[in-house]
Amino acid sequence: MDTLDLEEKKGRENCSKNEQSNSEKGNLKGLLKIEVIATGIGLTKDDMSNLFLSFSQANKEISSKYGGTGLGLWISKKIVQAGRGDIAVDSEKGRGSNFIVVFPTQARDD
């Protein structure tokens, strides 16, 4: 599974924009990348297209089998964005999913 998919590249670009702004202020340290590897059922590209929308789940089959409101990943995305980061998923049906979160980091004022 290629973890550097289009969504992660987009996330890195967004963080790079934040980096540039912070770099001009002299307080950028780098990036913090968190990757969660889930060995579940995996997702198709179509399933992933609405995954981070509110009240959305990958597909009806998953909703009926596992339940849930479809808010978990939407809330996660909002929290990550509040920290000026980005979240993406890379997945393949039958092989699991990789969730990638990237945050710009700043220097501490001691």
N, C-alpha and C. Protein backbone atom coordinates (compact mmCIF):
# COMPACT_ATOMS: atom_id res chain seq x y z
N MET A 1 0.84 -1.17 0.00
CA MET A 1 0.00 0.00 0.00
C MET A 1 0.89 1.24 0.00
N ASP A 2 0.64 2.18 -0.90
CA ASP A 2 1.43 3.39 -0.99
C ASP A 2 0.87 4.44 -0.04
N THR A 3 1.62 4.75 1.02
CA THR A 3 1.11 5.70 2.02
C THR A 3 1.26 7.14 1.58
N LEU A 4 1.97 7.39 0.48
CA LEU A 4 2.13 8.75 0.01
C LEU A 4 1.18 8.98 -1.17
N ASP A 5 -0.12 8.86 -0.90
CA ASP A 5 -1.12 9.04 -1.93
C ASP A 5 -1.44 10.52 -2.14
N LEU A 6 -2.36 10.80 -3.01
CA LEU A 6 -2.73 12.17 -3.35
C LEU A 6 -3.19 12.96 -2.12
N GLU A 7 -3.98 12.33 -1.24
CA GLU A 7 -4.48 13.04 -0.05
C GLU A 7 -3.34 13.43 0.89
N GLU A 8 -2.38 12.52 1.08
CA GLU A 8 -1.26 12.86 1.96
C GLU A 8 -0.43 13.97 1.34
N LYS A 9 -0.22 13.92 0.04
CA LYS A 9 0.52 14.99 -0.63
C LYS A 9 -0.17 16.32 -0.44
N LYS A 10 -1.51 16.31 -0.54
CA LYS A 10 -2.29 17.53 -0.30
C LYS A 10 -2.09 18.01 1.13
N GLY A 11 -2.11 17.06 2.08
CA GLY A 11 -1.90 17.41 3.49
C GLY A 11 -0.53 18.01 3.71
N ARG A 12 0.47 17.45 3.07
CA ARG A 12 1.83 17.99 3.20
C ARG A 12 1.92 19.39 2.59
N GLU A 13 1.22 19.60 1.46
CA GLU A 13 1.22 20.92 0.84
C GLU A 13 0.58 21.94 1.77
N ASN A 14 -0.55 21.57 2.41
CA ASN A 14 -1.21 22.48 3.35
C ASN A 14 -0.29 22.80 4.51
N CYS A 15 0.39 21.79 5.04
CA CYS A 15 1.32 22.03 6.15
C CYS A 15 2.50 22.86 5.69
N SER A 16 2.93 22.66 4.44
CA SER A 16 4.03 23.45 3.90
C SER A 16 3.68 24.93 3.85
N LYS A 17 2.42 25.23 3.50
CA LYS A 17 1.98 26.63 3.51
C LYS A 17 2.06 27.20 4.92
N ASN A 18 1.63 26.41 5.91
CA ASN A 18 1.73 26.85 7.31
C ASN A 18 3.19 27.00 7.72
N GLU A 19 4.04 26.09 7.25
CA GLU A 19 5.46 26.15 7.56
C GLU A 19 6.07 27.45 7.05
N GLN A 20 5.71 27.81 5.82
CA GLN A 20 6.27 29.01 5.23
C GLN A 20 5.89 30.23 6.06
N SER A 21 4.64 30.31 6.48
CA SER A 21 4.18 31.42 7.30
C SER A 21 4.93 31.45 8.63
N ASN A 22 5.06 30.27 9.27
CA ASN A 22 5.77 30.20 10.55
C ASN A 22 7.26 30.45 10.38
N SER A 23 7.80 30.02 9.26
CA SER A 23 9.22 30.21 9.00
C SER A 23 9.56 31.69 8.91
N GLU A 24 8.66 32.46 8.31
CA GLU A 24 8.86 33.90 8.21
C GLU A 24 8.88 34.53 9.59
N LYS A 25 8.17 33.94 10.55
CA LYS A 25 8.15 34.44 11.93
C LYS A 25 9.33 33.88 12.74
N GLY A 26 10.06 32.93 12.16
CA GLY A 26 11.23 32.36 12.83
C GLY A 26 10.93 31.33 13.88
N ASN A 27 9.73 30.73 13.88
CA ASN A 27 9.40 29.79 14.95
C ASN A 27 9.06 28.38 14.45
N LEU A 28 9.44 28.03 13.22
CA LEU A 28 9.15 26.70 12.70
C LEU A 28 10.25 25.72 13.08
N LYS A 29 9.82 24.53 13.50
CA LYS A 29 10.77 23.46 13.79
C LYS A 29 10.69 22.33 12.78
N GLY A 30 9.51 22.02 12.27
CA GLY A 30 9.38 20.91 11.33
C GLY A 30 7.96 20.41 11.26
N LEU A 31 7.83 19.12 11.00
CA LEU A 31 6.52 18.48 10.89
C LEU A 31 6.42 17.31 11.86
N LEU A 32 5.24 17.11 12.37
CA LEU A 32 4.94 15.93 13.17
C LEU A 32 3.97 15.09 12.34
N LYS A 33 4.37 13.87 12.03
CA LYS A 33 3.52 12.96 11.26
C LYS A 33 3.13 11.79 12.14
N ILE A 34 1.84 11.53 12.19
CA ILE A 34 1.30 10.40 12.94
C ILE A 34 0.60 9.50 11.93
N GLU A 35 0.96 8.23 11.96
CA GLU A 35 0.33 7.28 11.03
C GLU A 35 -0.26 6.13 11.84
N VAL A 36 -1.54 5.87 11.61
CA VAL A 36 -2.23 4.76 12.26
C VAL A 36 -2.52 3.72 11.18
N ILE A 37 -2.02 2.53 11.39
CA ILE A 37 -2.23 1.45 10.43
C ILE A 37 -3.31 0.52 10.99
N ALA A 38 -4.44 0.49 10.29
CA ALA A 38 -5.57 -0.35 10.71
C ALA A 38 -5.61 -1.58 9.81
N THR A 39 -5.68 -2.74 10.41
CA THR A 39 -5.66 -3.99 9.64
C THR A 39 -7.08 -4.51 9.39
N GLY A 40 -8.02 -3.59 9.26
CA GLY A 40 -9.42 -3.98 9.07
C GLY A 40 -9.74 -4.38 7.65
N ILE A 41 -10.98 -4.11 7.25
CA ILE A 41 -11.48 -4.58 5.96
C ILE A 41 -11.01 -3.75 4.78
N GLY A 42 -10.51 -2.57 5.03
CA GLY A 42 -10.05 -1.71 3.95
C GLY A 42 -11.19 -1.00 3.24
N LEU A 43 -10.84 -0.06 2.39
CA LEU A 43 -11.83 0.76 1.70
C LEU A 43 -11.48 0.87 0.22
N THR A 44 -12.51 1.02 -0.59
CA THR A 44 -12.29 1.32 -2.01
C THR A 44 -12.10 2.83 -2.15
N LYS A 45 -11.66 3.28 -3.32
CA LYS A 45 -11.51 4.72 -3.58
C LYS A 45 -12.86 5.42 -3.43
N ASP A 46 -13.94 4.78 -3.89
CA ASP A 46 -15.27 5.36 -3.75
C ASP A 46 -15.67 5.49 -2.28
N ASP A 47 -15.35 4.45 -1.47
CA ASP A 47 -15.66 4.51 -0.04
C ASP A 47 -14.94 5.67 0.63
N MET A 48 -13.71 5.93 0.20
CA MET A 48 -12.89 6.98 0.83
C MET A 48 -13.34 8.39 0.47
N SER A 49 -14.08 8.54 -0.62
CA SER A 49 -14.40 9.88 -1.12
C SER A 49 -15.22 10.72 -0.14
N ASN A 50 -16.07 10.10 0.67
CA ASN A 50 -16.91 10.83 1.62
C ASN A 50 -16.57 10.53 3.07
N LEU A 51 -15.46 9.90 3.30
CA LEU A 51 -15.14 9.38 4.63
C LEU A 51 -15.05 10.46 5.71
N PHE A 52 -14.60 11.67 5.37
CA PHE A 52 -14.39 12.72 6.37
C PHE A 52 -15.56 13.71 6.43
N LEU A 53 -16.68 13.37 5.80
CA LEU A 53 -17.87 14.22 5.86
C LEU A 53 -18.72 13.84 7.07
N SER A 54 -19.48 14.81 7.60
CA SER A 54 -20.32 14.51 8.76
C SER A 54 -21.45 13.55 8.39
N PHE A 55 -21.78 12.69 9.32
CA PHE A 55 -22.84 11.68 9.19
C PHE A 55 -22.64 10.80 7.95
N SER A 56 -21.38 10.52 7.66
CA SER A 56 -21.06 9.70 6.49
C SER A 56 -20.24 8.49 6.92
N GLN A 57 -20.53 7.37 6.33
CA GLN A 57 -19.72 6.18 6.53
C GLN A 57 -19.35 5.63 5.17
N ALA A 58 -18.41 4.73 5.15
CA ALA A 58 -17.87 4.25 3.88
C ALA A 58 -18.97 3.75 2.94
N ASN A 59 -19.83 2.91 3.44
CA ASN A 59 -20.96 2.44 2.63
C ASN A 59 -22.03 1.86 3.54
N LYS A 60 -23.20 1.59 3.00
CA LYS A 60 -24.34 1.12 3.80
C LYS A 60 -24.07 -0.23 4.44
N GLU A 61 -23.32 -1.08 3.77
CA GLU A 61 -22.99 -2.40 4.31
C GLU A 61 -22.21 -2.25 5.63
N ILE A 62 -21.25 -1.36 5.63
CA ILE A 62 -20.45 -1.13 6.84
C ILE A 62 -21.30 -0.52 7.93
N SER A 63 -22.16 0.44 7.58
CA SER A 63 -23.04 1.09 8.56
C SER A 63 -23.93 0.08 9.26
N SER A 64 -24.54 -0.82 8.49
CA SER A 64 -25.46 -1.78 9.09
C SER A 64 -24.72 -2.83 9.92
N LYS A 65 -23.50 -3.17 9.53
CA LYS A 65 -22.75 -4.21 10.24
C LYS A 65 -22.09 -3.68 11.52
N TYR A 66 -21.50 -2.48 11.47
CA TYR A 66 -20.72 -1.98 12.60
C TYR A 66 -21.39 -0.84 13.36
N GLY A 67 -22.41 -0.23 12.80
CA GLY A 67 -23.10 0.87 13.47
C GLY A 67 -22.29 2.16 13.45
N GLY A 68 -22.64 3.05 14.35
CA GLY A 68 -21.95 4.34 14.43
C GLY A 68 -22.75 5.45 13.78
N THR A 69 -22.35 6.68 14.07
CA THR A 69 -23.08 7.84 13.56
C THR A 69 -22.44 8.45 12.32
N GLY A 70 -21.19 8.10 12.05
CA GLY A 70 -20.50 8.73 10.93
C GLY A 70 -19.91 10.07 11.29
N LEU A 71 -19.69 10.30 12.58
CA LEU A 71 -19.11 11.58 13.01
C LEU A 71 -17.66 11.49 13.45
N GLY A 72 -17.17 10.31 13.74
CA GLY A 72 -15.83 10.15 14.32
C GLY A 72 -14.71 10.75 13.48
N LEU A 73 -14.66 10.42 12.20
CA LEU A 73 -13.59 10.94 11.35
C LEU A 73 -13.81 12.42 11.02
N TRP A 74 -15.07 12.85 10.96
CA TRP A 74 -15.35 14.27 10.73
C TRP A 74 -14.84 15.09 11.92
N ILE A 75 -15.13 14.63 13.13
CA ILE A 75 -14.64 15.32 14.34
C ILE A 75 -13.12 15.30 14.36
N SER A 76 -12.53 14.16 14.04
CA SER A 76 -11.06 14.06 14.00
C SER A 76 -10.48 15.08 13.03
N LYS A 77 -11.08 15.19 11.87
CA LYS A 77 -10.58 16.15 10.87
C LYS A 77 -10.68 17.58 11.39
N LYS A 78 -11.79 17.92 12.03
CA LYS A 78 -11.97 19.28 12.58
C LYS A 78 -10.92 19.58 13.65
N ILE A 79 -10.64 18.62 14.51
CA ILE A 79 -9.62 18.81 15.56
C ILE A 79 -8.25 19.00 14.93
N VAL A 80 -7.92 18.16 13.96
CA VAL A 80 -6.62 18.25 13.29
C VAL A 80 -6.49 19.60 12.58
N GLN A 81 -7.54 20.02 11.89
CA GLN A 81 -7.50 21.31 11.19
C GLN A 81 -7.37 22.48 12.16
N ALA A 82 -7.97 22.35 13.34
CA ALA A 82 -7.84 23.40 14.35
C ALA A 82 -6.39 23.56 14.80
N GLY A 83 -5.62 22.48 14.71
CA GLY A 83 -4.20 22.52 15.03
C GLY A 83 -3.34 22.81 13.81
N ARG A 84 -3.97 23.31 12.74
CA ARG A 84 -3.31 23.66 11.49
C ARG A 84 -2.69 22.45 10.78
N GLY A 85 -3.23 21.27 11.05
CA GLY A 85 -2.73 20.07 10.41
C GLY A 85 -3.69 19.57 9.35
N ASP A 86 -3.40 18.40 8.86
CA ASP A 86 -4.26 17.77 7.87
C ASP A 86 -4.28 16.27 8.13
N ILE A 87 -5.37 15.63 7.70
CA ILE A 87 -5.55 14.20 7.89
C ILE A 87 -5.94 13.59 6.54
N ALA A 88 -5.43 12.41 6.27
CA ALA A 88 -5.73 11.71 5.02
C ALA A 88 -5.78 10.22 5.28
N VAL A 89 -6.34 9.50 4.33
CA VAL A 89 -6.39 8.05 4.44
C VAL A 89 -5.89 7.43 3.14
N ASP A 90 -5.20 6.33 3.29
CA ASP A 90 -4.78 5.51 2.15
C ASP A 90 -5.27 4.10 2.47
N SER A 91 -5.99 3.50 1.57
CA SER A 91 -6.58 2.20 1.87
C SER A 91 -6.73 1.37 0.61
N GLU A 92 -6.86 0.09 0.85
CA GLU A 92 -7.12 -0.85 -0.23
C GLU A 92 -8.09 -1.88 0.30
N LYS A 93 -9.16 -2.12 -0.43
CA LYS A 93 -10.18 -3.08 -0.02
C LYS A 93 -9.53 -4.43 0.29
N GLY A 94 -9.83 -4.97 1.47
CA GLY A 94 -9.32 -6.26 1.87
C GLY A 94 -7.92 -6.23 2.49
N ARG A 95 -7.28 -5.06 2.54
CA ARG A 95 -5.92 -4.99 3.06
C ARG A 95 -5.73 -4.00 4.21
N GLY A 96 -6.78 -3.31 4.62
CA GLY A 96 -6.65 -2.37 5.72
C GLY A 96 -6.49 -0.94 5.25
N SER A 97 -6.26 -0.04 6.22
CA SER A 97 -6.18 1.39 5.93
C SER A 97 -5.06 2.04 6.72
N ASN A 98 -4.46 3.06 6.14
CA ASN A 98 -3.48 3.89 6.84
C ASN A 98 -4.07 5.29 6.97
N PHE A 99 -4.16 5.77 8.20
CA PHE A 99 -4.62 7.13 8.44
C PHE A 99 -3.39 7.96 8.79
N ILE A 100 -3.22 9.08 8.09
CA ILE A 100 -2.03 9.90 8.26
C ILE A 100 -2.46 11.29 8.73
N VAL A 101 -1.85 11.75 9.82
CA VAL A 101 -2.09 13.09 10.34
C VAL A 101 -0.75 13.81 10.32
N VAL A 102 -0.74 15.04 9.79
CA VAL A 102 0.49 15.83 9.72
C VAL A 102 0.23 17.20 10.34
N PHE A 103 1.10 17.59 11.28
CA PHE A 103 1.03 18.90 11.93
C PHE A 103 2.35 19.64 11.75
N PRO A 104 2.29 20.96 11.50
CA PRO A 104 3.52 21.75 11.56
C PRO A 104 3.88 21.95 13.04
N THR A 105 5.15 21.96 13.33
CA THR A 105 5.59 22.18 14.72
C THR A 105 6.31 23.51 14.83
N GLN A 106 6.30 24.09 16.04
CA GLN A 106 6.91 25.39 16.26
C GLN A 106 7.93 25.32 17.37
N ALA A 107 8.84 26.28 17.36
CA ALA A 107 9.83 26.39 18.44
C ALA A 107 9.15 26.90 19.69
N ARG A 108 9.64 26.47 20.83
CA ARG A 108 9.11 26.96 22.11
C ARG A 108 9.80 28.23 22.52
N ASP A 109 9.05 29.11 23.13
CA ASP A 109 9.62 30.34 23.71
C ASP A 109 9.94 30.07 25.16
N ASP A 110 11.21 29.85 25.47
CA ASP A 110 11.61 29.57 26.86
C ASP A 110 12.17 30.80 27.52
